Amino acid sequence: MTDAIELLRARFLERCRTDLEQLGGLEPDHPDVGMIAHRLAGAAGSFGYPEISEAAAVVDDRARYGPTPSSADVHAMARAMEKALASG
């Protein structure tokens, strides 16, 4: 990968860290959960994190179209983010 892509990937992971911290204090029906999920669903796959993208797409779809994302949905997204952060 090029240096520019690696820099973007590092920024994505840093944003994941921030988003993960924010998610910890939110209920699944909070609007910010949907916004975070929407952003992750679109970007994660581009940086090689399909598990985040897939889990975030579930939360995003439920936040947009219903039913409200469950705690399990949000937890699955958070676990995928934690796994990506652990792998660096």
N, C-alpha and C. Protein backbone atom coordinates (compact mmCIF):
# COMPACT_ATOMS: atom_id res chain seq x y z
N MET A 1 0.83 -1.19 0.00
CA MET A 1 0.00 0.00 0.00
C MET A 1 0.87 1.25 0.00
N THR A 2 0.32 2.28 -0.51
CA THR A 2 1.07 3.53 -0.54
C THR A 2 1.04 4.19 0.83
N ASP A 3 1.95 5.11 1.02
CA ASP A 3 2.00 5.84 2.29
C ASP A 3 0.71 6.60 2.54
N ALA A 4 0.13 7.18 1.50
CA ALA A 4 -1.11 7.94 1.66
C ALA A 4 -2.24 7.04 2.13
N ILE A 5 -2.33 5.85 1.59
CA ILE A 5 -3.38 4.92 2.00
C ILE A 5 -3.14 4.47 3.44
N GLU A 6 -1.90 4.22 3.78
CA GLU A 6 -1.59 3.82 5.16
C GLU A 6 -1.93 4.94 6.14
N LEU A 7 -1.69 6.18 5.74
CA LEU A 7 -2.04 7.32 6.59
C LEU A 7 -3.55 7.38 6.78
N LEU A 8 -4.30 7.22 5.70
CA LEU A 8 -5.76 7.22 5.79
C LEU A 8 -6.27 6.07 6.66
N ARG A 9 -5.64 4.91 6.51
CA ARG A 9 -6.03 3.75 7.32
C ARG A 9 -5.76 4.04 8.80
N ALA A 10 -4.64 4.65 9.11
CA ALA A 10 -4.32 4.99 10.50
C ALA A 10 -5.33 5.99 11.05
N ARG A 11 -5.72 6.95 10.24
CA ARG A 11 -6.74 7.93 10.67
C ARG A 11 -8.08 7.25 10.90
N PHE A 12 -8.42 6.28 10.02
CA PHE A 12 -9.65 5.53 10.18
C PHE A 12 -9.64 4.79 11.52
N LEU A 13 -8.53 4.13 11.84
CA LEU A 13 -8.44 3.40 13.10
C LEU A 13 -8.52 4.33 14.30
N GLU A 14 -7.92 5.49 14.20
CA GLU A 14 -8.01 6.46 15.28
C GLU A 14 -9.46 6.91 15.47
N ARG A 15 -10.15 7.12 14.35
CA ARG A 15 -11.57 7.50 14.42
C ARG A 15 -12.38 6.36 15.04
N CYS A 16 -12.03 5.12 14.71
CA CYS A 16 -12.71 3.96 15.31
C CYS A 16 -12.54 3.98 16.83
N ARG A 17 -11.35 4.31 17.28
CA ARG A 17 -11.09 4.36 18.72
C ARG A 17 -11.99 5.42 19.37
N THR A 18 -12.09 6.57 18.76
CA THR A 18 -12.94 7.63 19.28
C THR A 18 -14.42 7.22 19.23
N ASP A 19 -14.83 6.64 18.12
CA ASP A 19 -16.23 6.20 17.97
C ASP A 19 -16.58 5.13 18.99
N LEU A 20 -15.66 4.22 19.23
CA LEU A 20 -15.88 3.15 20.20
C LEU A 20 -16.09 3.72 21.60
N GLU A 21 -15.29 4.70 21.96
CA GLU A 21 -15.46 5.36 23.25
C GLU A 21 -16.82 6.04 23.33
N GLN A 22 -17.22 6.70 22.26
CA GLN A 22 -18.51 7.38 22.24
C GLN A 22 -19.66 6.38 22.34
N LEU A 23 -19.55 5.27 21.62
CA LEU A 23 -20.62 4.26 21.64
C LEU A 23 -20.85 3.72 23.04
N GLY A 24 -19.79 3.63 23.84
CA GLY A 24 -19.91 3.09 25.19
C GLY A 24 -20.88 3.85 26.07
N GLY A 25 -21.13 5.09 25.77
CA GLY A 25 -22.02 5.89 26.59
C GLY A 25 -23.39 6.15 25.99
N LEU A 26 -23.71 5.47 24.89
CA LEU A 26 -24.97 5.73 24.19
C LEU A 26 -25.91 4.53 24.22
N GLU A 27 -27.18 4.82 24.28
CA GLU A 27 -28.21 3.79 24.11
C GLU A 27 -28.31 3.46 22.62
N PRO A 28 -28.72 2.24 22.27
CA PRO A 28 -28.80 1.84 20.86
C PRO A 28 -29.69 2.74 19.99
N ASP A 29 -30.69 3.38 20.59
CA ASP A 29 -31.59 4.21 19.80
C ASP A 29 -31.13 5.68 19.69
N HIS A 30 -29.98 5.99 20.25
CA HIS A 30 -29.47 7.37 20.17
C HIS A 30 -29.09 7.67 18.71
N PRO A 31 -29.43 8.85 18.20
CA PRO A 31 -29.12 9.19 16.80
C PRO A 31 -27.64 9.08 16.44
N ASP A 32 -26.74 9.35 17.39
CA ASP A 32 -25.31 9.26 17.09
C ASP A 32 -24.87 7.84 16.76
N VAL A 33 -25.57 6.85 17.31
CA VAL A 33 -25.23 5.45 17.00
C VAL A 33 -25.44 5.22 15.50
N GLY A 34 -26.56 5.69 14.97
CA GLY A 34 -26.82 5.54 13.54
C GLY A 34 -25.82 6.29 12.69
N MET A 35 -25.42 7.48 13.12
CA MET A 35 -24.45 8.26 12.34
C MET A 35 -23.09 7.57 12.32
N ILE A 36 -22.67 7.05 13.47
CA ILE A 36 -21.40 6.33 13.53
C ILE A 36 -21.46 5.10 12.63
N ALA A 37 -22.55 4.35 12.74
CA ALA A 37 -22.70 3.13 11.94
C ALA A 37 -22.70 3.44 10.45
N HIS A 38 -23.35 4.50 10.06
CA HIS A 38 -23.40 4.88 8.64
C HIS A 38 -22.00 5.17 8.11
N ARG A 39 -21.26 5.93 8.87
CA ARG A 39 -19.89 6.28 8.48
C ARG A 39 -19.01 5.02 8.38
N LEU A 40 -19.12 4.16 9.38
CA LEU A 40 -18.32 2.93 9.39
C LEU A 40 -18.70 1.97 8.28
N ALA A 41 -19.99 1.84 8.02
CA ALA A 41 -20.45 0.91 6.98
C ALA A 41 -19.85 1.28 5.63
N GLY A 42 -19.69 2.56 5.38
CA GLY A 42 -19.14 3.00 4.10
C GLY A 42 -17.63 2.93 4.02
N ALA A 43 -16.96 3.21 5.12
CA ALA A 43 -15.50 3.34 5.07
C ALA A 43 -14.73 2.08 5.43
N ALA A 44 -15.25 1.28 6.33
CA ALA A 44 -14.48 0.17 6.88
C ALA A 44 -14.01 -0.82 5.82
N GLY A 45 -14.87 -1.16 4.89
CA GLY A 45 -14.48 -2.10 3.85
C GLY A 45 -13.36 -1.58 2.98
N SER A 46 -13.32 -0.28 2.78
CA SER A 46 -12.27 0.32 1.97
C SER A 46 -10.88 0.16 2.58
N PHE A 47 -10.85 0.00 3.90
CA PHE A 47 -9.57 -0.12 4.60
C PHE A 47 -9.28 -1.56 5.03
N GLY A 48 -10.07 -2.50 4.53
CA GLY A 48 -9.81 -3.90 4.81
C GLY A 48 -10.45 -4.45 6.06
N TYR A 49 -11.56 -3.86 6.47
CA TYR A 49 -12.27 -4.30 7.67
C TYR A 49 -13.72 -4.65 7.33
N PRO A 50 -13.93 -5.73 6.59
CA PRO A 50 -15.30 -6.09 6.19
C PRO A 50 -16.19 -6.45 7.37
N GLU A 51 -15.61 -6.95 8.46
CA GLU A 51 -16.44 -7.30 9.62
C GLU A 51 -17.08 -6.06 10.23
N ILE A 52 -16.33 -4.97 10.28
CA ILE A 52 -16.90 -3.71 10.77
C ILE A 52 -17.97 -3.25 9.82
N SER A 53 -17.68 -3.27 8.54
CA SER A 53 -18.62 -2.81 7.53
C SER A 53 -19.94 -3.57 7.62
N GLU A 54 -19.86 -4.89 7.73
CA GLU A 54 -21.07 -5.71 7.78
C GLU A 54 -21.88 -5.44 9.05
N ALA A 55 -21.21 -5.40 10.20
CA ALA A 55 -21.92 -5.15 11.46
C ALA A 55 -22.49 -3.73 11.48
N ALA A 56 -21.75 -2.78 10.97
CA ALA A 56 -22.22 -1.39 10.94
C ALA A 56 -23.40 -1.23 9.99
N ALA A 57 -23.41 -1.97 8.90
CA ALA A 57 -24.53 -1.89 7.95
C ALA A 57 -25.83 -2.35 8.61
N VAL A 58 -25.76 -3.36 9.46
CA VAL A 58 -26.96 -3.81 10.18
C VAL A 58 -27.49 -2.69 11.07
N VAL A 59 -26.59 -2.09 11.84
CA VAL A 59 -26.99 -1.00 12.73
C VAL A 59 -27.51 0.19 11.93
N ASP A 60 -26.82 0.53 10.87
CA ASP A 60 -27.23 1.65 10.02
C ASP A 60 -28.63 1.42 9.44
N ASP A 61 -28.85 0.25 8.89
CA ASP A 61 -30.16 -0.05 8.30
C ASP A 61 -31.27 0.02 9.34
N ARG A 62 -31.02 -0.54 10.51
CA ARG A 62 -32.05 -0.50 11.56
C ARG A 62 -32.27 0.91 12.08
N ALA A 63 -31.21 1.68 12.18
CA ALA A 63 -31.36 3.06 12.64
C ALA A 63 -32.17 3.89 11.63
N ARG A 64 -31.99 3.59 10.36
CA ARG A 64 -32.70 4.35 9.31
C ARG A 64 -34.12 3.87 9.09
N TYR A 65 -34.29 2.54 9.03
CA TYR A 65 -35.55 1.98 8.55
C TYR A 65 -36.30 1.19 9.60
N GLY A 66 -35.69 0.92 10.74
CA GLY A 66 -36.35 0.18 11.80
C GLY A 66 -36.19 -1.31 11.64
N PRO A 67 -36.46 -2.06 12.62
CA PRO A 67 -36.67 -1.58 13.99
C PRO A 67 -35.37 -1.00 14.57
N THR A 68 -35.49 -0.33 15.69
CA THR A 68 -34.33 0.28 16.34
C THR A 68 -33.23 -0.76 16.54
N PRO A 69 -31.98 -0.38 16.33
CA PRO A 69 -30.88 -1.33 16.58
C PRO A 69 -30.95 -1.87 18.01
N SER A 70 -30.65 -3.14 18.15
CA SER A 70 -30.64 -3.73 19.49
C SER A 70 -29.26 -3.52 20.12
N SER A 71 -29.21 -3.76 21.41
CA SER A 71 -27.92 -3.71 22.11
C SER A 71 -26.95 -4.73 21.51
N ALA A 72 -27.49 -5.90 21.11
CA ALA A 72 -26.65 -6.94 20.51
C ALA A 72 -26.07 -6.47 19.18
N ASP A 73 -26.87 -5.74 18.39
CA ASP A 73 -26.38 -5.21 17.11
C ASP A 73 -25.22 -4.25 17.33
N VAL A 74 -25.40 -3.35 18.27
CA VAL A 74 -24.37 -2.35 18.56
C VAL A 74 -23.14 -3.03 19.16
N HIS A 75 -23.38 -4.02 20.00
CA HIS A 75 -22.26 -4.76 20.61
C HIS A 75 -21.45 -5.50 19.54
N ALA A 76 -22.12 -6.08 18.55
CA ALA A 76 -21.42 -6.78 17.46
C ALA A 76 -20.55 -5.80 16.68
N MET A 77 -21.07 -4.61 16.44
CA MET A 77 -20.29 -3.59 15.74
C MET A 77 -19.08 -3.19 16.58
N ALA A 78 -19.29 -2.99 17.87
CA ALA A 78 -18.20 -2.61 18.77
C ALA A 78 -17.13 -3.71 18.84
N ARG A 79 -17.55 -4.97 18.88
CA ARG A 79 -16.57 -6.08 18.91
C ARG A 79 -15.73 -6.09 17.65
N ALA A 80 -16.36 -5.85 16.50
CA ALA A 80 -15.61 -5.80 15.23
C ALA A 80 -14.61 -4.66 15.25
N MET A 81 -14.99 -3.53 15.83
CA MET A 81 -14.08 -2.40 15.93
C MET A 81 -12.91 -2.72 16.86
N GLU A 82 -13.21 -3.35 17.98
CA GLU A 82 -12.16 -3.73 18.94
C GLU A 82 -11.17 -4.70 18.30
N LYS A 83 -11.69 -5.64 17.53
CA LYS A 83 -10.83 -6.61 16.84
C LYS A 83 -9.89 -5.89 15.87
N ALA A 84 -10.43 -4.94 15.10
CA ALA A 84 -9.61 -4.20 14.15
C ALA A 84 -8.55 -3.36 14.88
N LEU A 85 -8.93 -2.75 15.98
CA LEU A 85 -7.97 -1.95 16.73
C LEU A 85 -6.87 -2.82 17.33
N ALA A 86 -7.23 -4.01 17.76
CA ALA A 86 -6.24 -4.91 18.33
C ALA A 86 -5.25 -5.41 17.29
N SER A 87 -5.73 -5.55 16.04
CA SER A 87 -4.86 -6.05 14.99
C SER A 87 -4.02 -4.94 14.36
N GLY A 88 -4.47 -3.70 14.60
CA GLY A 88 -3.72 -2.55 14.12
C GLY A 88 -3.84 -2.38 12.68
